[in-house]
C-alpha atoms as a PDB file:
ATOM      1  CA  MET A   1     -10.212  -0.150  14.998  1.00  0.00           C
ATOM      2  CA  GLU A   2      -6.491   0.066  15.198  1.00  0.00           C
ATOM      3  CA  LEU A   3      -4.432  -1.063  12.201  1.00  0.00           C
ATOM      4  CA  GLN A   4      -3.570  -4.697  11.915  1.00  0.00           C
ATOM      5  CA  TRP A   5      -0.570  -4.507   9.738  1.00  0.00           C
ATOM      6  CA  PRO A   6       0.467  -8.238   9.842  1.00  0.00           C
ATOM      7  CA  LEU A   7      -3.322  -9.024   8.570  1.00  0.00           C
ATOM      8  CA  ILE A   8      -3.054  -6.337   6.047  1.00  0.00           C
ATOM      9  CA  LEU A   9       0.082  -7.690   4.351  1.00  0.00           C
ATOM     10  CA  PHE A  10      -1.206 -11.209   4.812  1.00  0.00           C
ATOM     11  CA  THR A  11      -4.562 -10.565   2.957  1.00  0.00           C
ATOM     12  CA  THR A  12      -2.823  -8.525   0.314  1.00  0.00           C
ATOM     13  CA  LEU A  13      -0.040 -11.069  -0.363  1.00  0.00           C
ATOM     14  CA  THR A  14      -2.658 -13.847  -0.358  1.00  0.00           C
ATOM     15  CA  ALA A  15      -4.619 -11.966  -3.047  1.00  0.00           C
ATOM     16  CA  TRP A  16      -1.465 -11.458  -5.055  1.00  0.00           C
ATOM     17  CA  ALA A  17      -0.450 -15.197  -4.965  1.00  0.00           C
ATOM     18  CA  CYS A  18      -3.892 -16.267  -5.896  1.00  0.00           C
ATOM     19  CA  GLY A  19      -3.896 -13.769  -8.836  1.00  0.00           C
ATOM     20  CA  VAL A  20      -0.656 -15.017 -10.178  1.00  0.00           C
ATOM     21  CA  PHE A  21      -1.578 -18.694  -9.850  1.00  0.00           C
ATOM     22  CA  GLY A  22      -5.084 -18.099 -11.313  1.00  0.00           C
ATOM     23  CA  VAL A  23      -3.672 -16.144 -14.315  1.00  0.00           C
ATOM     24  CA  GLN A  24      -1.179 -18.839 -15.212  1.00  0.00           C
ATOM     25  CA  GLY A  25      -3.855 -21.394 -15.191  1.00  0.00           C
ATOM     26  CA  VAL A  26      -5.669 -19.121 -17.662  1.00  0.00           C
ATOM     27  CA  LEU A  27      -2.461 -19.204 -19.834  1.00  0.00           C
ATOM     28  CA  ALA A  28      -2.138 -22.822 -19.502  1.00  0.00           C
ATOM     29  CA  LEU A  29      -5.672 -23.301 -20.835  1.00  0.00           C
ATOM     30  CA  LYS A  30      -4.611 -21.261 -23.782  1.00  0.00           C
ATOM     31  CA  GLY A  31      -1.228 -23.117 -24.271  1.00  0.00           C
ATOM     32  CA  ALA A  32       0.634 -19.790 -23.783  1.00  0.00           C
ATOM     33  CA  GLY A  33       3.411 -18.578 -21.355  1.00  0.00           C
ATOM     34  CA  LYS A  34       5.219 -21.898 -21.464  1.00  0.00           C
ATOM     35  CA  LYS A  35       8.564 -20.622 -20.523  1.00  0.00           C
ATOM     36  CA  SER A  36       7.281 -18.795 -17.462  1.00  0.00           C
ATOM     37  CA  GLN A  37       4.886 -21.391 -15.935  1.00  0.00           C
ATOM     38  CA  GLN A  38       7.520 -22.889 -13.543  1.00  0.00           C
ATOM     39  CA  LEU A  39       8.726 -19.444 -12.400  1.00  0.00           C
ATOM     40  CA  LEU A  40       5.232 -18.222 -11.912  1.00  0.00           C
ATOM     41  CA  ALA A  41       4.531 -21.255  -9.733  1.00  0.00           C
ATOM     42  CA  VAL A  42       7.371 -20.425  -7.475  1.00  0.00           C
ATOM     43  CA  VAL A  43       6.405 -16.740  -7.368  1.00  0.00           C
ATOM     44  CA  SER A  44       2.919 -17.574  -6.037  1.00  0.00           C
ATOM     45  CA  CYS A  45       4.268 -19.813  -3.404  1.00  0.00           C
ATOM     46  CA  VAL A  46       6.841 -17.252  -2.218  1.00  0.00           C
ATOM     47  CA  LEU A  47       4.076 -14.612  -1.956  1.00  0.00           C
ATOM     48  CA  LEU A  48       1.995 -16.955  -0.057  1.00  0.00           C
ATOM     49  CA  ALA A  49       4.767 -17.880   2.309  1.00  0.00           C
ATOM     50  CA  VAL A  50       5.800 -14.342   3.069  1.00  0.00           C
ATOM     51  CA  GLY A  51       2.059 -13.530   3.821  1.00  0.00           C
ATOM     52  CA  GLY A  52       2.240 -16.630   6.083  1.00  0.00           C
ATOM     53  CA  ILE A  53       5.234 -15.213   7.858  1.00  0.00           C
ATOM     54  CA  CYS A  54       3.560 -11.844   8.149  1.00  0.00           C
ATOM     55  CA  VAL A  55       0.511 -13.293  10.001  1.00  0.00           C
ATOM     56  CA  PHE A  56       2.458 -14.688  12.795  1.00  0.00           C
ATOM     57  CA  PHE A  57       3.501 -11.163  13.931  1.00  0.00           C
ATOM     58  CA  HIS A  58      -0.215 -10.644  14.638  1.00  0.00           C
ATOM     59  CA  LEU A  59       0.074 -12.931  17.640  1.00  0.00           C
ATOM     60  CA  GLN A  60       2.015 -12.127  20.825  1.00  0.00           C
ATOM     61  CA  HIS A  61       2.230 -16.019  21.519  1.00  0.00           C
ATOM     62  CA  TRP A  62       2.109 -17.473  17.737  1.00  0.00           C
ATOM     63  CA  GLU A  63       2.310 -21.116  19.164  1.00  0.00           C
ATOM     64  CA  ARG A  64      -1.199 -20.591  20.414  1.00  0.00           C
ATOM     65  CA  ILE A  65      -2.446 -20.441  16.910  1.00  0.00           C
ATOM     66  CA  PHE A  66      -3.029 -24.273  17.015  1.00  0.00           C
ATOM     67  CA  ASN A  67      -5.906 -23.400  19.562  1.00  0.00           C
ATOM     68  CA  GLY A  68      -7.835 -22.013  16.578  1.00  0.00           C
ATOM     69  CA  PHE A  69      -7.872 -25.207  14.636  1.00  0.00           C
ATOM     70  CA  GLY A  70     -10.253 -26.751  17.048  1.00  0.00           C
ATOM     71  CA  HIS A  71     -13.333 -26.755  14.652  1.00  0.00           C
ATOM     72  CA  ILE A  72     -14.060 -26.866  10.888  1.00  0.00           C
ATOM     73  CA  THR A  73     -16.200 -23.721  11.133  1.00  0.00           C
ATOM     74  CA  SER A  74     -13.349 -21.659  12.618  1.00  0.00           C
ATOM     75  CA  GLY A  75     -12.257 -19.167   9.910  1.00  0.00           C
ATOM     76  CA  ILE A  76      -8.500 -19.814  10.706  1.00  0.00           C
ATOM     77  CA  THR A  77      -9.087 -23.451  10.104  1.00  0.00           C
ATOM     78  CA  GLN A  78     -10.823 -22.928   6.803  1.00  0.00           C
ATOM     79  CA  GLU A  79      -7.867 -20.587   5.766  1.00  0.00           C
ATOM     80  CA  LEU A  80      -5.285 -23.279   6.742  1.00  0.00           C
ATOM     81  CA  ILE A  81      -7.105 -25.879   4.591  1.00  0.00           C
ATOM     82  CA  ALA A  82      -7.316 -23.613   1.519  1.00  0.00           C
ATOM     83  CA  ILE A  83      -3.755 -22.582   1.919  1.00  0.00           C
ATOM     84  CA  VAL A  84      -2.531 -26.307   2.208  1.00  0.00           C
ATOM     85  CA  VAL A  85      -4.597 -27.276  -0.820  1.00  0.00           C
ATOM     86  CA  PHE A  86      -3.282 -24.317  -2.678  1.00  0.00           C
ATOM     87  CA  VAL A  87       0.328 -25.201  -1.903  1.00  0.00           C
ATOM     88  CA  VAL A  88      -0.072 -28.742  -2.896  1.00  0.00           C
ATOM     89  CA  ALA A  89      -1.833 -27.767  -6.256  1.00  0.00           C
ATOM     90  CA  ALA A  90       1.067 -25.216  -6.959  1.00  0.00           C
ATOM     91  CA  VAL A  91       3.650 -27.728  -6.174  1.00  0.00           C
ATOM     92  CA  ALA A  92       1.897 -30.510  -8.403  1.00  0.00           C
ATOM     93  CA  TYR A  93       1.547 -27.709 -10.980  1.00  0.00           C
ATOM     94  CA  PHE A  94       5.301 -27.025 -10.978  1.00  0.00           C
ATOM     95  CA  VAL A  95       6.294 -30.660 -11.144  1.00  0.00           C
ATOM     96  CA  MET A  96       3.966 -31.403 -14.174  1.00  0.00           C
ATOM     97  CA  ALA A  97       5.251 -28.195 -15.942  1.00  0.00           C
ATOM     98  CA  ARG A  98       8.815 -29.447 -15.366  1.00  0.00           C
ATOM     99  CA  LYS A  99       8.209 -32.843 -16.462  1.00  0.00           C
ATOM    100  CA  SER A 100       6.477 -31.825 -19.702  1.00  0.00           C
ATOM    101  CA  ALA A 101       8.460 -32.142 -22.913  1.00  0.00           C
ATOM    102  CA  ASP A 102       8.625 -28.308 -23.348  1.00  0.00           C
ATOM    103  CA  GLY A 103       8.707 -27.329 -19.627  1.00  0.00           C
ATOM    104  CA  GLY A 104       5.600 -25.577 -19.552  1.00  0.00           C
ATOM    105  CA  THR A 105       2.662 -27.577 -20.930  1.00  0.00           C
ATOM    106  CA  LEU A 106      -0.035 -28.554 -18.475  1.00  0.00           C
ATOM    107  CA  PRO A 107      -3.117 -30.741 -18.548  1.00  0.00           C
ATOM    108  CA  LYS A 108      -6.346 -28.804 -18.775  1.00  0.00           C
ATOM    109  CA  TRP A 109      -7.641 -30.166 -15.559  1.00  0.00           C
ATOM    110  CA  MET A 110      -4.696 -28.787 -13.756  1.00  0.00           C
ATOM    111  CA  ALA A 111      -5.070 -25.329 -15.322  1.00  0.00           C
ATOM    112  CA  VAL A 112      -8.730 -25.479 -14.233  1.00  0.00           C
ATOM    113  CA  LEU A 113      -7.602 -26.355 -10.794  1.00  0.00           C
ATOM    114  CA  ALA A 114      -5.229 -23.694 -10.445  1.00  0.00           C
ATOM    115  CA  ILE A 115      -7.911 -21.234 -11.320  1.00  0.00           C
ATOM    116  CA  ALA A 116     -10.457 -22.655  -8.907  1.00  0.00           C
ATOM    117  CA  ILE A 117      -8.211 -22.925  -5.834  1.00  0.00           C
ATOM    118  CA  SER A 118      -6.921 -19.352  -6.471  1.00  0.00           C
ATOM    119  CA  VAL A 119     -10.706 -18.110  -6.352  1.00  0.00           C
ATOM    120  CA  VAL A 120     -11.520 -20.346  -3.321  1.00  0.00           C
ATOM    121  CA  LEU A 121      -8.429 -19.385  -1.260  1.00  0.00           C
ATOM    122  CA  ALA A 122      -9.049 -15.542  -1.891  1.00  0.00           C
ATOM    123  CA  ALA A 123     -12.607 -15.890  -0.740  1.00  0.00           C
ATOM    124  CA  VAL A 124     -12.085 -17.980   2.344  1.00  0.00           C
ATOM    125  CA  CYS A 125      -9.320 -15.595   3.301  1.00  0.00           C
ATOM    126  CA  ALA A 126     -11.805 -12.837   3.117  1.00  0.00           C
ATOM    127  CA  HIS A 127     -14.909 -14.739   4.413  1.00  0.00           C
ATOM    128  CA  SER A 128     -13.147 -15.213   7.751  1.00  0.00           C
ATOM    129  CA  TYR A 129     -13.432 -11.437   8.429  1.00  0.00           C
ATOM    130  CA  MET A 130     -17.171 -11.086   7.988  1.00  0.00           C
ATOM    131  CA  MET A 131     -18.999 -10.649  11.290  1.00  0.00           C
ATOM    132  CA  PRO A 132     -22.226  -8.967  12.129  1.00  0.00           C
ATOM    133  CA  ALA A 133     -20.796  -6.975  15.013  1.00  0.00           C
ATOM    134  CA  ARG A 134     -18.647  -4.914  12.383  1.00  0.00           C
ATOM    135  CA  PRO A 135     -20.985  -3.529   9.786  1.00  0.00           C
ATOM    136  CA  ALA A 136     -18.336  -2.320   7.391  1.00  0.00           C
ATOM    137  CA  TRP A 137     -17.088  -5.862   7.108  1.00  0.00           C
ATOM    138  CA  ASN A 138     -20.166  -7.909   7.034  1.00  0.00           C
ATOM    139  CA  SER A 139     -20.811  -7.998   3.372  1.00  0.00           C
ATOM    140  CA  VAL A 140     -20.077 -10.477   0.609  1.00  0.00           C
ATOM    141  CA  LEU A 141     -18.512  -7.174  -1.149  1.00  0.00           C
ATOM    142  CA  GLU A 142     -15.741  -7.487   1.320  1.00  0.00           C
ATOM    143  CA  VAL A 143     -15.142 -11.010  -0.087  1.00  0.00           C
ATOM    144  CA  LEU A 144     -15.198  -9.676  -3.617  1.00  0.00           C
ATOM    145  CA  SER A 145     -12.717  -6.932  -2.882  1.00  0.00           C
ATOM    146  CA  ILE A 146     -10.089  -9.539  -2.240  1.00  0.00           C
ATOM    147  CA  VAL A 147     -11.009 -11.469  -5.089  1.00  0.00           C
ATOM    148  CA  GLY A 148     -10.876  -8.204  -7.036  1.00  0.00           C
ATOM    149  CA  ALA A 149      -7.447  -7.446  -5.585  1.00  0.00           C
ATOM    150  CA  ALA A 150      -6.297 -10.841  -7.047  1.00  0.00           C
ATOM    151  CA  CYS A 151      -7.790  -9.999 -10.445  1.00  0.00           C
ATOM    152  CA  LEU A 152      -5.882  -6.622 -10.477  1.00  0.00           C
ATOM    153  CA  LEU A 153      -2.390  -7.822  -9.229  1.00  0.00           C
ATOM    154  CA  GLY A 154      -2.220 -11.243 -10.891  1.00  0.00           C
ATOM    155  CA  PRO A 155      -2.454 -10.159 -14.678  1.00  0.00           C
ATOM    156  CA  ALA A 156       0.001  -7.406 -14.192  1.00  0.00           C
ATOM    157  CA  THR A 157       2.485  -9.375 -12.398  1.00  0.00           C
ATOM    158  CA  VAL A 158       2.284 -12.192 -15.089  1.00  0.00           C
ATOM    159  CA  ALA A 159       2.697  -9.651 -17.874  1.00  0.00           C
ATOM    160  CA  VAL A 160       5.924  -8.388 -16.296  1.00  0.00           C
ATOM    161  CA  VAL A 161       7.315 -11.968 -16.016  1.00  0.00           C
ATOM    162  CA  LEU A 162       6.318 -12.883 -19.660  1.00  0.00           C
ATOM    163  CA  ALA A 163       7.812  -9.708 -21.068  1.00  0.00           C
ATOM    164  CA  ALA A 164      10.924 -10.242 -19.000  1.00  0.00           C
ATOM    165  CA  LYS A 165      11.322 -13.796 -20.326  1.00  0.00           C
ATOM    166  CA  GLY A 166      10.837 -12.610 -23.787  1.00  0.00           C
ATOM    167  CA  GLU A 167       7.544 -14.478 -24.257  1.00  0.00           C
ATOM    168  CA  ASP A 168       4.542 -13.551 -26.410  1.00  0.00           C
ATOM    169  CA  THR A 169       2.225 -11.476 -24.513  1.00  0.00           C
ATOM    170  CA  GLN A 170      -0.624 -11.265 -26.871  1.00  0.00           C
ATOM    171  CA  ALA A 171      -2.439 -14.203 -25.214  1.00  0.00           C
ATOM    172  CA  LEU A 172      -2.626 -12.238 -21.797  1.00  0.00           C
ATOM    173  CA  GLY A 173      -4.289  -9.208 -23.312  1.00  0.00           C
ATOM    174  CA  MET A 174      -7.881 -10.056 -22.989  1.00  0.00           C
ATOM    175  CA  PRO A 175      -7.481 -11.769 -19.364  1.00  0.00           C
ATOM    176  CA  ALA A 176      -5.530  -8.828 -18.132  1.00  0.00           C
ATOM    177  CA  ILE A 177      -8.387  -6.604 -19.298  1.00  0.00           C
ATOM    178  CA  VAL A 178     -11.296  -8.608 -17.979  1.00  0.00           C
ATOM    179  CA  GLY A 179      -9.372  -9.101 -14.646  1.00  0.00           C
ATOM    180  CA  SER A 180      -8.842  -5.344 -14.384  1.00  0.00           C
ATOM    181  CA  VAL A 181     -12.374  -4.528 -14.945  1.00  0.00           C
ATOM    182  CA  ILE A 182     -13.561  -7.151 -12.430  1.00  0.00           C
ATOM    183  CA  GLY A 183     -11.029  -5.914  -9.886  1.00  0.00           C
ATOM    184  CA  ALA A 184     -12.118  -2.291 -10.519  1.00  0.00           C
ATOM    185  CA  VAL A 185     -15.772  -2.965 -10.161  1.00  0.00           C
ATOM    186  CA  CYS A 186     -15.448  -5.024  -6.970  1.00  0.00           C
ATOM    187  CA  THR A 187     -12.975  -2.507  -5.411  1.00  0.00           C
ATOM    188  CA  ALA A 188     -15.391   0.434  -6.133  1.00  0.00           C
ATOM    189  CA  ALA A 189     -18.424  -1.548  -4.888  1.00  0.00           C
ATOM    190  CA  TYR A 190     -16.743  -2.360  -1.516  1.00  0.00           C
ATOM    191  CA  ALA A 191     -15.586   1.261  -1.288  1.00  0.00           C
ATOM    192  CA  ALA A 192     -19.070   2.485  -1.674  1.00  0.00           C
ATOM    193  CA  TYR A 193     -20.479  -0.116   0.907  1.00  0.00           C
ATOM    194  CA  VAL A 194     -17.801   0.997   3.425  1.00  0.00           C
ATOM    195  CA  GLN A 195     -18.653   4.602   2.903  1.00  0.00           C
ATOM    196  CA  MET A 196     -22.224   3.808   3.557  1.00  0.00           C
ATOM    197  CA  SER A 197     -21.749   1.580   6.451  1.00  0.00           C
ATOM    198  CA  ALA A 198     -22.016   4.476   8.926  1.00  0.00           C
ATOM    199  CA  GLY A 199     -25.759   4.296   8.413  1.00  0.00           C
ATOM    200  CA  SER A 200     -25.723   0.854  10.033  1.00  0.00           C
ATOM    201  CA  PHE A 201     -25.304   2.471  13.404  1.00  0.00           C
ATOM    202  CA  THR A 202     -28.336   4.698  13.313  1.00  0.00           C
ATOM    203  CA  GLU A 203     -30.740   2.097  14.520  1.00  0.00           C
ATOM    204  CA  VAL A 204     -28.879   1.666  17.886  1.00  0.00           C
ATOM    205  CA  GLY A 205     -28.686   3.672  20.777  1.00  0.00           C
ATOM    206  CA  TYR A 206     -25.513   5.913  21.151  1.00  0.00           C
ATOM    207  CA  TYR A 207     -23.642   5.668  24.378  1.00  0.00           C
ATOM    208  CA  PHE A 208     -22.985   8.996  26.017  1.00  0.00           C
ATOM    209  CA  ASP A 209     -20.360   9.667  28.841  1.00  0.00           C
ATOM    210  CA  PRO A 210     -22.327  10.604  31.927  1.00  0.00           C
ATOM    211  CA  THR A 211     -19.981  13.548  32.515  1.00  0.00           C
ATOM    212  CA  HIS A 212     -20.535  14.755  28.902  1.00  0.00           C
ATOM    213  CA  PRO A 213     -24.177  13.973  28.308  1.00  0.00           C
ATOM    214  CA  THR A 214     -24.273  15.879  25.037  1.00  0.00           C
ATOM    215  CA  LYS A 215     -21.242  14.272  23.587  1.00  0.00           C
ATOM    216  CA  ALA A 216     -21.476  10.886  21.959  1.00  0.00           C
ATOM    217  CA  MET A 217     -18.538   8.526  22.942  1.00  0.00           C
ATOM    218  CA  VAL A 218     -18.103   7.532  19.340  1.00  0.00           C
ATOM    219  CA  ASP A 219     -18.927   9.347  16.078  1.00  0.00           C
ATOM    220  CA  ALA A 220     -19.465   6.769  13.484  1.00  0.00           C
ATOM    221  CA  GLY A 221     -20.031   9.292  10.579  1.00  0.00           C
ATOM    222  CA  ALA A 222     -16.679  11.081  11.257  1.00  0.00           C
ATOM    223  CA  ALA A 223     -14.808   7.722  11.686  1.00  0.00           C
ATOM    224  CA  ILE A 224     -15.996   6.286   8.453  1.00  0.00           C
ATOM    225  CA  GLY A 225     -15.923   9.707   6.795  1.00  0.00           C
ATOM    226  CA  ASP A 226     -12.057   9.837   7.475  1.00  0.00           C
ATOM    227  CA  GLN A 227     -11.564   6.943   5.291  1.00  0.00           C
ATOM    228  CA  ALA A 228     -12.896   8.543   2.116  1.00  0.00           C
ATOM    229  CA  LEU A 229      -9.576   9.698   0.911  1.00  0.00           C
ATOM    230  CA  LEU A 230      -8.028   6.245   1.227  1.00  0.00           C
ATOM    231  CA  LEU A 231     -11.119   4.570  -0.452  1.00  0.00           C
ATOM    232  CA  TRP A 232     -11.702   6.772  -3.251  1.00  0.00           C
ATOM    233  CA  LEU A 233      -8.180   8.203  -4.181  1.00  0.00           C
ATOM    234  CA  GLY A 234      -6.038   5.306  -2.867  1.00  0.00           C
ATOM    235  CA  ALA A 235      -8.118   2.161  -3.432  1.00  0.00           C
ATOM    236  CA  VAL A 236     -10.303   3.274  -6.300  1.00  0.00           C
ATOM    237  CA  VAL A 237      -8.328   5.790  -8.449  1.00  0.00           C
ATOM    238  CA  VAL A 238      -4.926   4.474  -7.765  1.00  0.00           C
ATOM    239  CA  GLY A 239      -5.449   0.875  -7.115  1.00  0.00           C
ATOM    240  CA  ALA A 240      -8.193   0.062  -9.626  1.00  0.00           C
ATOM    241  CA  ILE A 241      -8.426   2.749 -12.352  1.00  0.00           C
ATOM    242  CA  VAL A 242      -4.713   3.110 -12.877  1.00  0.00           C
ATOM    243  CA  PRO A 243      -4.174  -0.720 -13.443  1.00  0.00           C
ATOM    244  CA  LEU A 244      -7.106  -0.840 -15.734  1.00  0.00           C
ATOM    245  CA  ALA A 245      -5.746   2.170 -17.815  1.00  0.00           C
ATOM    246  CA  CYS A 246      -2.296   0.572 -17.910  1.00  0.00           C
ATOM    247  CA  CYS A 247      -3.624  -2.799 -19.156  1.00  0.00           C
ATOM    248  CA  LEU A 248      -5.679  -1.028 -21.880  1.00  0.00           C
ATOM    249  CA  LEU A 249      -2.530   1.035 -22.977  1.00  0.00           C
ATOM    250  CA  ALA A 250      -0.461  -2.057 -22.989  1.00  0.00           C
ATOM    251  CA  ARG A 251      -2.864  -4.146 -25.048  1.00  0.00           C
ATOM    252  CA  LYS A 252      -3.307  -1.233 -27.459  1.00  0.00           C
ATOM    253  CA  LYS A 253       0.567  -0.929 -28.238  1.00  0.00           C
ATOM    254  CA  GLY A 254       0.731  -4.784 -28.078  1.00  0.00           C
ATOM    255  CA  ASP A 255       4.546  -5.215 -27.562  1.00  0.00           C
ATOM    256  CA  ALA A 256       6.514  -6.784 -24.895  1.00  0.00           C
ATOM    257  CA  ALA A 257       8.249  -3.386 -23.779  1.00  0.00           C
ATOM    258  CA  SER A 258       4.885  -1.883 -23.220  1.00  0.00           C
ATOM    259  CA  TRP A 259       3.618  -4.784 -21.177  1.00  0.00           C
ATOM    260  CA  ARG A 260       6.825  -4.552 -19.073  1.00  0.00           C
ATOM    261  CA  LEU A 261       6.503  -0.815 -18.493  1.00  0.00           C
ATOM    262  CA  PHE A 262       2.647  -0.522 -17.937  1.00  0.00           C
ATOM    263  CA  GLY A 263       2.628  -3.797 -16.338  1.00  0.00           C
ATOM    264  CA  ALA A 264       5.159  -2.796 -13.505  1.00  0.00           C
ATOM    265  CA  VAL A 265       3.141   0.299 -13.019  1.00  0.00           C
ATOM    266  CA  ALA A 266      -0.033  -1.517 -12.581  1.00  0.00           C
ATOM    267  CA  VAL A 267       1.585  -3.948 -10.124  1.00  0.00           C
ATOM    268  CA  VAL A 268       2.754  -1.001  -7.982  1.00  0.00           C
ATOM    269  CA  ALA A 269      -0.527   0.939  -8.294  1.00  0.00           C
ATOM    270  CA  ALA A 270      -2.694  -2.189  -7.576  1.00  0.00           C
ATOM    271  CA  LEU A 271      -0.576  -3.032  -4.520  1.00  0.00           C
ATOM    272  CA  ALA A 272      -0.700   0.427  -3.058  1.00  0.00           C
ATOM    273  CA  GLY A 273      -4.620   0.380  -3.747  1.00  0.00           C
ATOM    274  CA  ALA A 274      -4.947  -2.983  -2.151  1.00  0.00           C
ATOM    275  CA  ILE A 275      -3.083  -1.742   0.991  1.00  0.00           C
ATOM    276  CA  CYS A 276      -5.366   1.339   1.133  1.00  0.00           C
ATOM    277  CA  LEU A 277      -8.313  -0.535   0.907  1.00  0.00           C
ATOM    278  CA  ARG A 278      -7.288  -2.835   3.862  1.00  0.00           C
ATOM    279  CA  VAL A 279      -6.330   0.126   5.901  1.00  0.00           C
ATOM    280  CA  ALA A 280      -9.595   1.733   5.258  1.00  0.00           C
ATOM    281  CA  PHE A 281     -11.189  -1.680   6.142  1.00  0.00           C
ATOM    282  CA  TYR A 282      -9.700  -1.479   9.728  1.00  0.00           C
ATOM    283  CA  GLY A 283     -10.267   2.227  10.095  1.00  0.00           C
ATOM    284  CA  ALA A 284     -13.986   1.680   9.368  1.00  0.00           C
ATOM    285  CA  GLY A 285     -14.201  -1.629  11.282  1.00  0.00           C
ATOM    286  CA  LEU A 286     -16.182  -0.125  14.119  1.00  0.00           C
ATOM    287  CA  SER A 287     -17.994  -2.543  16.384  1.00  0.00           C
ATOM    288  CA  VAL A 288     -21.460  -1.974  17.525  1.00  0.00           C
ATOM    289  CA  PHE A 289     -20.843  -2.760  21.065  1.00  0.00           C
ATOM    290  CA  MET A 290     -19.639   0.937  21.516  1.00  0.00           C
ATOM    291  CA  PHE A 291     -23.244   2.108  20.816  1.00  0.00           C
ATOM    292  CA  TYR A 292     -25.153   0.193  23.519  1.00  0.00           C
END
């Protein structure tokens, strides 16, 4: 399948926004990062807004997007609902932080809501791509890969902001490592699933061109095998292992300068890895219709 760059950017930026908002919710539960709470809420909304702009470039007639909102079971309808709830929650979060005495204390329920809506939006965004006709997409591991991207991008981004604002980064150490581990496992699991998805086509009849009866029209093994470099070097090594290593090093050193440096490296690596994974996602997104 040809690359859909607007959707690649949309899903990546949405995961990034969810990661930032979810992590600041974790910090709010711990009473940490108070000076950065308002800024982080703005950052998450900006990331989501840019992703929303990107998705319009996927449509030749963007005004017809409203035709997709005709039923609650439509993936685009579910995404819209989740995005609206996310934005409302982020705005309420910002207002509550701004009205607090120290500019960054949030009620526990609001912190929990931030975490919950972040997970829900990432999952809903990924779920809309699941379809039996494209075996490489039709797995819960695909959903977890977007949640994993949020877990990789969020803590690293928040670490950079906290360090830049001169805040204590100690409270972020364990959440960053846990998030990076979850992200790395989800990314590696989905990469393995995509690699094995070529086997899904062996049970159906290959379609052959009548003028070339010995040559299959589509070679699923080769098409999916071509994604190996993007999957394992780009998504897993660069996009998952490098951010995890950066978080481990930053927590070991413990100072703000280390979090600023290693956090920035982790953000760049996780972003590159997330894009590589989405590129491979489309490259391996073969439809079974070609084999009948």
